[in-house]
Amino acid sequence: MSLSKIVCLTYLLFGIVNLTANAELVAYWSFDKADGVDDLTGNGHDGNIHGNPKAVAGKFGEALAFNGSTDYVEIPDAPAISELEALSMAAWIQPLKLGSWVAVAEKGIHLNWSYGFFIEPDGTLSFEVSTGPGNNLVCCVGNVALEIGKWHHIFGSYDGKSVKAYVDGKLEGEMPGADAVHMTEGLPFTIGSRNGQNHFGGAVDEVAFWDEAISVEDSMDPLPVKPGRKLTTTWGVIKRLR
């Protein structure tokens, strides 16, 4: 990397970190082969693979491709992804199957869950946040169907007052909400399924999770804010400068 790129990288890094200094990047899974399903923030939210998802070309580097029937990644429960008053989630996804209700990434099980990205049978994105047991949830359903084979950036946030869902940087839905996120202690966070059911068929890349509501613009750059324990890499910026 040239000196000019290093200088630019340093400038961008500190500018981005300062921009959203109050938000903590709780977990980040790049799904690149060398890191597998490790949490690159250093916070220890490493995943366990179920089935046989394949490493494929991703939006950035590599991604994991899920077969839509048995593949998913499971991350054990931890306070940082369970005890929340606000949150943001982002990912790049490439759906290869549509037509049924599937989970891209979520935490909990039926009638006892916290939050998640889902794809409706018509191909639209749904971002849902639960603020209590049962069906006490706030659901944002998009208006535009995702395209099979195309990479889409999906983002959802909850600030304690409203739930917002975005696709490719555009607001798809917003609904009012209140109270803290329903805590599902002991239940895992899963990527590619809903706790082993409602499997997503397609590729997933650059999954990130924050403990605050950040802007969609910040979410579209990988690692836009500081990881919880250490600034492990300048991953997203390096990719764009290579």
C-alpha atoms as a PDB file:
ATOM      1  CA  MET A   1       0.000   0.000   0.000  1.00  0.00           C
ATOM      2  CA  SER A   2       1.392   3.435  -0.912  1.00  0.00           C
ATOM      3  CA  LEU A   3       2.178   6.141   1.656  1.00  0.00           C
ATOM      4  CA  SER A   4      -0.606   8.319   0.274  1.00  0.00           C
ATOM      5  CA  LYS A   5      -3.119   5.515   0.800  1.00  0.00           C
ATOM      6  CA  ILE A   6      -1.884   4.986   4.364  1.00  0.00           C
ATOM      7  CA  VAL A   7      -2.290   8.705   5.125  1.00  0.00           C
ATOM      8  CA  CYS A   8      -5.750   8.685   3.570  1.00  0.00           C
ATOM      9  CA  LEU A   9      -6.627   5.542   5.485  1.00  0.00           C
ATOM     10  CA  THR A  10      -5.584   7.072   8.809  1.00  0.00           C
ATOM     11  CA  TYR A  11      -7.576  10.235   8.111  1.00  0.00           C
ATOM     12  CA  LEU A  12     -10.690   8.317   7.141  1.00  0.00           C
ATOM     13  CA  LEU A  13     -10.423   5.986  10.107  1.00  0.00           C
ATOM     14  CA  PHE A  14     -10.250   8.702  12.732  1.00  0.00           C
ATOM     15  CA  GLY A  15     -12.907  10.745  10.983  1.00  0.00           C
ATOM     16  CA  ILE A  16     -15.305   7.803  10.889  1.00  0.00           C
ATOM     17  CA  VAL A  17     -14.640   6.798  14.481  1.00  0.00           C
ATOM     18  CA  ASN A  18     -15.206  10.341  15.733  1.00  0.00           C
ATOM     19  CA  LEU A  19     -18.368  10.697  13.674  1.00  0.00           C
ATOM     20  CA  THR A  20     -20.218   8.042  15.653  1.00  0.00           C
ATOM     21  CA  ALA A  21     -18.080   7.853  18.766  1.00  0.00           C
ATOM     22  CA  ASN A  22     -20.935   6.884  21.078  1.00  0.00           C
ATOM     23  CA  ALA A  23     -21.900   3.764  19.152  1.00  0.00           C
ATOM     24  CA  GLU A  24     -20.074   0.549  19.903  1.00  0.00           C
ATOM     25  CA  LEU A  25     -19.553  -2.091  17.269  1.00  0.00           C
ATOM     26  CA  VAL A  26     -20.517  -5.137  19.311  1.00  0.00           C
ATOM     27  CA  ALA A  27     -19.939  -7.848  16.703  1.00  0.00           C
ATOM     28  CA  TYR A  28     -18.682  -8.115  13.128  1.00  0.00           C
ATOM     29  CA  TRP A  29     -18.460 -11.211  10.950  1.00  0.00           C
ATOM     30  CA  SER A  30     -16.678 -10.749   7.610  1.00  0.00           C
ATOM     31  CA  PHE A  31     -17.086 -14.412   6.526  1.00  0.00           C
ATOM     32  CA  ASP A  32     -13.743 -14.275   4.758  1.00  0.00           C
ATOM     33  CA  LYS A  33     -12.079 -17.670   4.703  1.00  0.00           C
ATOM     34  CA  ALA A  34      -9.153 -16.803   6.979  1.00  0.00           C
ATOM     35  CA  ASP A  35     -11.473 -15.552   9.708  1.00  0.00           C
ATOM     36  CA  GLY A  36     -14.357 -17.933   9.085  1.00  0.00           C
ATOM     37  CA  VAL A  37     -17.169 -17.106  11.464  1.00  0.00           C
ATOM     38  CA  ASP A  38     -15.003 -15.345  14.047  1.00  0.00           C
ATOM     39  CA  ASP A  39     -16.157 -12.038  15.509  1.00  0.00           C
ATOM     40  CA  LEU A  40     -13.524  -9.577  14.280  1.00  0.00           C
ATOM     41  CA  THR A  41     -14.217  -7.011  17.008  1.00  0.00           C
ATOM     42  CA  GLY A  42     -12.406  -9.181  19.530  1.00  0.00           C
ATOM     43  CA  ASN A  43     -15.532  -9.291  21.705  1.00  0.00           C
ATOM     44  CA  GLY A  44     -15.733 -13.068  21.443  1.00  0.00           C
ATOM     45  CA  HIS A  45     -19.048 -13.515  19.627  1.00  0.00           C
ATOM     46  CA  ASP A  46     -17.610 -16.267  17.447  1.00  0.00           C
ATOM     47  CA  GLY A  47     -20.010 -18.430  15.481  1.00  0.00           C
ATOM     48  CA  ASN A  48     -20.541 -22.159  15.122  1.00  0.00           C
ATOM     49  CA  ILE A  49     -21.331 -23.563  11.676  1.00  0.00           C
ATOM     50  CA  HIS A  50     -24.293 -25.895  11.126  1.00  0.00           C
ATOM     51  CA  GLY A  51     -24.606 -27.759   7.840  1.00  0.00           C
ATOM     52  CA  ASN A  52     -22.077 -27.016   5.140  1.00  0.00           C
ATOM     53  CA  PRO A  53     -22.225 -23.385   3.962  1.00  0.00           C
ATOM     54  CA  LYS A  54     -19.742 -22.634   1.191  1.00  0.00           C
ATOM     55  CA  ALA A  55     -17.205 -19.827   0.894  1.00  0.00           C
ATOM     56  CA  VAL A  56     -18.022 -17.818  -2.250  1.00  0.00           C
ATOM     57  CA  ALA A  57     -17.121 -14.459  -3.752  1.00  0.00           C
ATOM     58  CA  GLY A  58     -18.736 -11.811  -1.582  1.00  0.00           C
ATOM     59  CA  LYS A  59     -19.529  -8.137  -1.780  1.00  0.00           C
ATOM     60  CA  PHE A  60     -16.160  -7.590  -0.093  1.00  0.00           C
ATOM     61  CA  GLY A  61     -13.711 -10.466  -0.166  1.00  0.00           C
ATOM     62  CA  GLU A  62     -15.582 -13.688   0.542  1.00  0.00           C
ATOM     63  CA  ALA A  63     -19.057 -14.517   1.819  1.00  0.00           C
ATOM     64  CA  LEU A  64     -20.909 -17.565   3.116  1.00  0.00           C
ATOM     65  CA  ALA A  65     -23.481 -19.203   0.841  1.00  0.00           C
ATOM     66  CA  PHE A  66     -26.354 -20.986   2.613  1.00  0.00           C
ATOM     67  CA  ASN A  67     -28.297 -23.771   0.889  1.00  0.00           C
ATOM     68  CA  GLY A  68     -31.725 -22.721   2.188  1.00  0.00           C
ATOM     69  CA  SER A  69     -32.409 -25.983   4.019  1.00  0.00           C
ATOM     70  CA  THR A  70     -29.738 -26.998   6.545  1.00  0.00           C
ATOM     71  CA  ASP A  71     -27.015 -24.335   6.617  1.00  0.00           C
ATOM     72  CA  TYR A  72     -26.722 -21.617   9.235  1.00  0.00           C
ATOM     73  CA  VAL A  73     -24.348 -20.001  11.734  1.00  0.00           C
ATOM     74  CA  GLU A  74     -25.135 -19.909  15.445  1.00  0.00           C
ATOM     75  CA  ILE A  75     -23.636 -17.385  17.873  1.00  0.00           C
ATOM     76  CA  PRO A  76     -24.095 -18.165  21.590  1.00  0.00           C
ATOM     77  CA  ASP A  77     -26.015 -15.705  23.727  1.00  0.00           C
ATOM     78  CA  ALA A  78     -24.141 -12.946  25.549  1.00  0.00           C
ATOM     79  CA  PRO A  79     -25.248  -9.805  27.437  1.00  0.00           C
ATOM     80  CA  ALA A  80     -23.913  -7.514  24.694  1.00  0.00           C
ATOM     81  CA  ILE A  81     -26.372  -8.935  22.139  1.00  0.00           C
ATOM     82  CA  SER A  82     -29.225  -9.531  24.576  1.00  0.00           C
ATOM     83  CA  GLU A  83     -29.452  -6.668  27.091  1.00  0.00           C
ATOM     84  CA  LEU A  84     -30.272  -3.777  24.765  1.00  0.00           C
ATOM     85  CA  GLU A  85     -32.203  -0.530  24.791  1.00  0.00           C
ATOM     86  CA  ALA A  86     -31.256   0.246  21.187  1.00  0.00           C
ATOM     87  CA  LEU A  87     -29.501  -1.504  18.319  1.00  0.00           C
ATOM     88  CA  SER A  88     -28.475  -1.447  14.678  1.00  0.00           C
ATOM     89  CA  MET A  89     -27.838  -4.347  12.306  1.00  0.00           C
ATOM     90  CA  ALA A  90     -26.373  -4.411   8.814  1.00  0.00           C
ATOM     91  CA  ALA A  91     -25.419  -7.001   6.223  1.00  0.00           C
ATOM     92  CA  TRP A  92     -24.866  -7.535   2.527  1.00  0.00           C
ATOM     93  CA  ILE A  93     -27.008 -10.337   1.132  1.00  0.00           C
ATOM     94  CA  GLN A  94     -27.425 -12.031  -2.241  1.00  0.00           C
ATOM     95  CA  PRO A  95     -30.683 -14.014  -2.256  1.00  0.00           C
ATOM     96  CA  LEU A  96     -30.767 -17.024  -4.560  1.00  0.00           C
ATOM     97  CA  LYS A  97     -34.216 -18.239  -3.518  1.00  0.00           C
ATOM     98  CA  LEU A  98     -37.394 -16.270  -2.819  1.00  0.00           C
ATOM     99  CA  GLY A  99     -41.022 -17.205  -2.292  1.00  0.00           C
ATOM    100  CA  SER A 100     -41.186 -18.223   1.354  1.00  0.00           C
ATOM    101  CA  TRP A 101     -40.748 -16.478   4.711  1.00  0.00           C
ATOM    102  CA  VAL A 102     -37.107 -16.847   5.748  1.00  0.00           C
ATOM    103  CA  ALA A 103     -34.732 -15.453   8.345  1.00  0.00           C
ATOM    104  CA  VAL A 104     -31.486 -13.754   7.359  1.00  0.00           C
ATOM    105  CA  ALA A 105     -30.257 -13.036  10.895  1.00  0.00           C
ATOM    106  CA  GLU A 106     -32.169 -13.008  14.163  1.00  0.00           C
ATOM    107  CA  LYS A 107     -32.122 -13.749  17.882  1.00  0.00           C
ATOM    108  CA  GLY A 108     -34.594 -15.948  19.729  1.00  0.00           C
ATOM    109  CA  ILE A 109     -37.342 -18.423  18.905  1.00  0.00           C
ATOM    110  CA  HIS A 110     -41.063 -18.214  18.179  1.00  0.00           C
ATOM    111  CA  LEU A 111     -42.886 -16.040  20.766  1.00  0.00           C
ATOM    112  CA  ASN A 112     -39.624 -15.490  22.647  1.00  0.00           C
ATOM    113  CA  TRP A 113     -37.311 -13.483  20.472  1.00  0.00           C
ATOM    114  CA  SER A 114     -35.610 -10.091  20.298  1.00  0.00           C
ATOM    115  CA  TYR A 115     -34.890  -8.789  16.792  1.00  0.00           C
ATOM    116  CA  GLY A 116     -34.071  -9.834  13.273  1.00  0.00           C
ATOM    117  CA  PHE A 117     -33.999  -9.491   9.495  1.00  0.00           C
ATOM    118  CA  PHE A 118     -36.516 -11.549   7.540  1.00  0.00           C
ATOM    119  CA  ILE A 119     -37.544 -11.820   3.898  1.00  0.00           C
ATOM    120  CA  GLU A 120     -41.258 -12.026   3.185  1.00  0.00           C
ATOM    121  CA  PRO A 121     -42.717 -14.446   0.597  1.00  0.00           C
ATOM    122  CA  ASP A 122     -43.021 -11.552  -1.888  1.00  0.00           C
ATOM    123  CA  GLY A 123     -39.295 -10.806  -1.570  1.00  0.00           C
ATOM    124  CA  THR A 124     -39.531  -7.666   0.555  1.00  0.00           C
ATOM    125  CA  LEU A 125     -37.317  -7.113   3.598  1.00  0.00           C
ATOM    126  CA  SER A 126     -38.745  -7.141   7.103  1.00  0.00           C
ATOM    127  CA  PHE A 127     -36.874  -5.824  10.150  1.00  0.00           C
ATOM    128  CA  GLU A 128     -38.570  -6.654  13.427  1.00  0.00           C
ATOM    129  CA  VAL A 129     -37.884  -5.751  17.051  1.00  0.00           C
ATOM    130  CA  SER A 130     -39.664  -7.294  20.031  1.00  0.00           C
ATOM    131  CA  THR A 131     -40.204  -5.246  23.186  1.00  0.00           C
ATOM    132  CA  GLY A 132     -41.928  -7.959  25.196  1.00  0.00           C
ATOM    133  CA  PRO A 133     -42.833 -11.655  25.249  1.00  0.00           C
ATOM    134  CA  GLY A 134     -45.313 -13.131  22.795  1.00  0.00           C
ATOM    135  CA  ASN A 135     -46.242 -11.071  19.750  1.00  0.00           C
ATOM    136  CA  ASN A 136     -45.330  -7.720  21.300  1.00  0.00           C
ATOM    137  CA  LEU A 137     -43.230  -6.625  18.335  1.00  0.00           C
ATOM    138  CA  VAL A 138     -42.667  -3.731  15.972  1.00  0.00           C
ATOM    139  CA  CYS A 139     -42.404  -4.825  12.361  1.00  0.00           C
ATOM    140  CA  CYS A 140     -41.187  -2.804   9.375  1.00  0.00           C
ATOM    141  CA  VAL A 141     -41.892  -4.381   5.995  1.00  0.00           C
ATOM    142  CA  GLY A 142     -40.350  -2.902   2.861  1.00  0.00           C
ATOM    143  CA  ASN A 143     -42.008  -1.928  -0.393  1.00  0.00           C
ATOM    144  CA  VAL A 144     -39.492  -3.128  -2.981  1.00  0.00           C
ATOM    145  CA  ALA A 145     -38.726  -6.802  -3.596  1.00  0.00           C
ATOM    146  CA  LEU A 146     -35.128  -7.938  -3.430  1.00  0.00           C
ATOM    147  CA  GLU A 147     -33.655  -9.261  -6.672  1.00  0.00           C
ATOM    148  CA  ILE A 148     -32.399 -12.823  -6.989  1.00  0.00           C
ATOM    149  CA  GLY A 149     -28.662 -12.900  -7.643  1.00  0.00           C
ATOM    150  CA  LYS A 150     -28.093  -9.229  -6.776  1.00  0.00           C
ATOM    151  CA  TRP A 151     -26.155  -7.973  -3.772  1.00  0.00           C
ATOM    152  CA  HIS A 152     -28.289  -5.820  -1.480  1.00  0.00           C
ATOM    153  CA  HIS A 153     -27.280  -3.864   1.590  1.00  0.00           C
ATOM    154  CA  ILE A 154     -29.825  -4.288   4.385  1.00  0.00           C
ATOM    155  CA  PHE A 155     -29.923  -2.188   7.541  1.00  0.00           C
ATOM    156  CA  GLY A 156     -32.225  -1.912  10.524  1.00  0.00           C
ATOM    157  CA  SER A 157     -32.152   0.269  13.616  1.00  0.00           C
ATOM    158  CA  TYR A 158     -34.115   0.833  16.812  1.00  0.00           C
ATOM    159  CA  ASP A 159     -33.508   3.854  19.049  1.00  0.00           C
ATOM    160  CA  GLY A 160     -36.180   3.124  21.652  1.00  0.00           C
ATOM    161  CA  LYS A 161     -38.706   5.262  19.786  1.00  0.00           C
ATOM    162  CA  SER A 162     -38.911   3.892  16.251  1.00  0.00           C
ATOM    163  CA  VAL A 163     -37.871   0.911  14.156  1.00  0.00           C
ATOM    164  CA  LYS A 164     -36.434   1.627  10.712  1.00  0.00           C
ATOM    165  CA  ALA A 165     -35.604  -0.678   7.813  1.00  0.00           C
ATOM    166  CA  TYR A 166     -33.442   0.186   4.796  1.00  0.00           C
ATOM    167  CA  VAL A 167     -32.496  -1.561   1.568  1.00  0.00           C
ATOM    168  CA  ASP A 168     -29.539  -0.286  -0.460  1.00  0.00           C
ATOM    169  CA  GLY A 169     -29.440   2.896   1.606  1.00  0.00           C
ATOM    170  CA  LYS A 170     -33.107   3.802   1.079  1.00  0.00           C
ATOM    171  CA  LEU A 171     -35.691   3.886   3.859  1.00  0.00           C
ATOM    172  CA  GLU A 172     -38.189   1.080   3.299  1.00  0.00           C
ATOM    173  CA  GLY A 173     -40.258   1.354   6.449  1.00  0.00           C
ATOM    174  CA  GLU A 174     -40.554   3.064   9.825  1.00  0.00           C
ATOM    175  CA  MET A 175     -42.796   2.215  12.766  1.00  0.00           C
ATOM    176  CA  PRO A 176     -43.075   3.736  16.257  1.00  0.00           C
ATOM    177  CA  GLY A 177     -41.890   1.681  19.209  1.00  0.00           C
ATOM    178  CA  ALA A 178     -41.164   2.020  22.919  1.00  0.00           C
ATOM    179  CA  ASP A 179     -39.332   0.255  25.743  1.00  0.00           C
ATOM    180  CA  ALA A 180     -36.149  -1.785  25.771  1.00  0.00           C
ATOM    181  CA  VAL A 181     -35.574  -4.743  23.484  1.00  0.00           C
ATOM    182  CA  HIS A 182     -37.071  -7.953  24.861  1.00  0.00           C
ATOM    183  CA  MET A 183     -34.242  -9.952  26.437  1.00  0.00           C
ATOM    184  CA  THR A 184     -33.993 -13.567  25.296  1.00  0.00           C
ATOM    185  CA  GLU A 185     -31.429 -14.842  27.762  1.00  0.00           C
ATOM    186  CA  GLY A 186     -29.799 -18.107  26.757  1.00  0.00           C
ATOM    187  CA  LEU A 187     -31.071 -18.098  23.176  1.00  0.00           C
ATOM    188  CA  PRO A 188     -28.577 -17.778  20.303  1.00  0.00           C
ATOM    189  CA  PHE A 189     -28.181 -15.265  17.515  1.00  0.00           C
ATOM    190  CA  THR A 190     -28.400 -17.068  14.188  1.00  0.00           C
ATOM    191  CA  ILE A 191     -27.391 -16.112  10.652  1.00  0.00           C
ATOM    192  CA  GLY A 192     -29.008 -17.954   7.752  1.00  0.00           C
ATOM    193  CA  SER A 193     -31.990 -19.306   9.680  1.00  0.00           C
ATOM    194  CA  ARG A 194     -34.416 -18.698  12.518  1.00  0.00           C
ATOM    195  CA  ASN A 195     -32.843 -20.851  15.207  1.00  0.00           C
ATOM    196  CA  GLY A 196     -32.434 -23.727  12.761  1.00  0.00           C
ATOM    197  CA  GLN A 197     -35.696 -23.143  10.862  1.00  0.00           C
ATOM    198  CA  ASN A 198     -36.926 -20.850   8.050  1.00  0.00           C
ATOM    199  CA  HIS A 199     -33.572 -21.086   6.272  1.00  0.00           C
ATOM    200  CA  PHE A 200     -32.248 -18.378   3.966  1.00  0.00           C
ATOM    201  CA  GLY A 201     -30.980 -19.501   0.556  1.00  0.00           C
ATOM    202  CA  GLY A 202     -28.199 -17.287  -0.737  1.00  0.00           C
ATOM    203  CA  ALA A 203     -24.976 -15.562   0.271  1.00  0.00           C
ATOM    204  CA  VAL A 204     -24.374 -13.336   3.295  1.00  0.00           C
ATOM    205  CA  ASP A 205     -21.437 -10.984   3.826  1.00  0.00           C
ATOM    206  CA  GLU A 206     -20.240  -8.326   6.289  1.00  0.00           C
ATOM    207  CA  VAL A 207     -22.735  -8.811   9.127  1.00  0.00           C
ATOM    208  CA  ALA A 208     -22.375  -6.098  11.773  1.00  0.00           C
ATOM    209  CA  PHE A 209     -24.169  -5.311  15.029  1.00  0.00           C
ATOM    210  CA  TRP A 210     -24.144  -2.146  17.159  1.00  0.00           C
ATOM    211  CA  ASP A 211     -25.578  -1.334  20.580  1.00  0.00           C
ATOM    212  CA  GLU A 212     -27.022   2.015  19.418  1.00  0.00           C
ATOM    213  CA  ALA A 213     -29.055   3.334  16.519  1.00  0.00           C
ATOM    214  CA  ILE A 214     -26.557   4.612  13.951  1.00  0.00           C
ATOM    215  CA  SER A 215     -27.231   6.078  10.528  1.00  0.00           C
ATOM    216  CA  VAL A 216     -27.614   3.945   7.434  1.00  0.00           C
ATOM    217  CA  GLU A 217     -24.815   5.933   5.791  1.00  0.00           C
ATOM    218  CA  ASP A 218     -22.369   4.893   8.513  1.00  0.00           C
ATOM    219  CA  SER A 219     -23.505   1.285   8.289  1.00  0.00           C
ATOM    220  CA  MET A 220     -22.647   0.964   4.608  1.00  0.00           C
ATOM    221  CA  ASP A 221     -18.920   1.233   5.358  1.00  0.00           C
ATOM    222  CA  PRO A 222     -17.661  -1.940   7.075  1.00  0.00           C
ATOM    223  CA  LEU A 223     -16.264  -1.185  10.550  1.00  0.00           C
ATOM    224  CA  PRO A 224     -17.560   2.423  10.637  1.00  0.00           C
ATOM    225  CA  VAL A 225     -17.232   2.726  14.420  1.00  0.00           C
ATOM    226  CA  LYS A 226     -14.931   1.488  17.120  1.00  0.00           C
ATOM    227  CA  PRO A 227     -15.055  -2.156  18.191  1.00  0.00           C
ATOM    228  CA  GLY A 228     -15.687  -2.664  21.867  1.00  0.00           C
ATOM    229  CA  ARG A 229     -12.245  -3.743  23.040  1.00  0.00           C
ATOM    230  CA  LYS A 230      -9.796  -2.916  20.312  1.00  0.00           C
ATOM    231  CA  LEU A 231      -9.680  -1.315  16.914  1.00  0.00           C
ATOM    232  CA  THR A 232      -8.749  -4.609  15.290  1.00  0.00           C
ATOM    233  CA  THR A 233      -8.550  -3.521  11.669  1.00  0.00           C
ATOM    234  CA  THR A 234      -9.365  -0.803   9.206  1.00  0.00           C
ATOM    235  CA  TRP A 235     -10.991  -3.560   7.212  1.00  0.00           C
ATOM    236  CA  GLY A 236     -13.666  -1.781   5.242  1.00  0.00           C
ATOM    237  CA  VAL A 237     -11.535   1.211   4.362  1.00  0.00           C
ATOM    238  CA  ILE A 238      -8.602  -0.980   3.330  1.00  0.00           C
ATOM    239  CA  LYS A 239     -10.882  -2.877   0.940  1.00  0.00           C
ATOM    240  CA  ARG A 240     -11.989   0.323  -0.711  1.00  0.00           C
ATOM    241  CA  LEU A 241      -8.421   1.586  -1.075  1.00  0.00           C
ATOM    242  CA  ARG A 242      -6.847  -1.607  -2.468  1.00  0.00           C
END
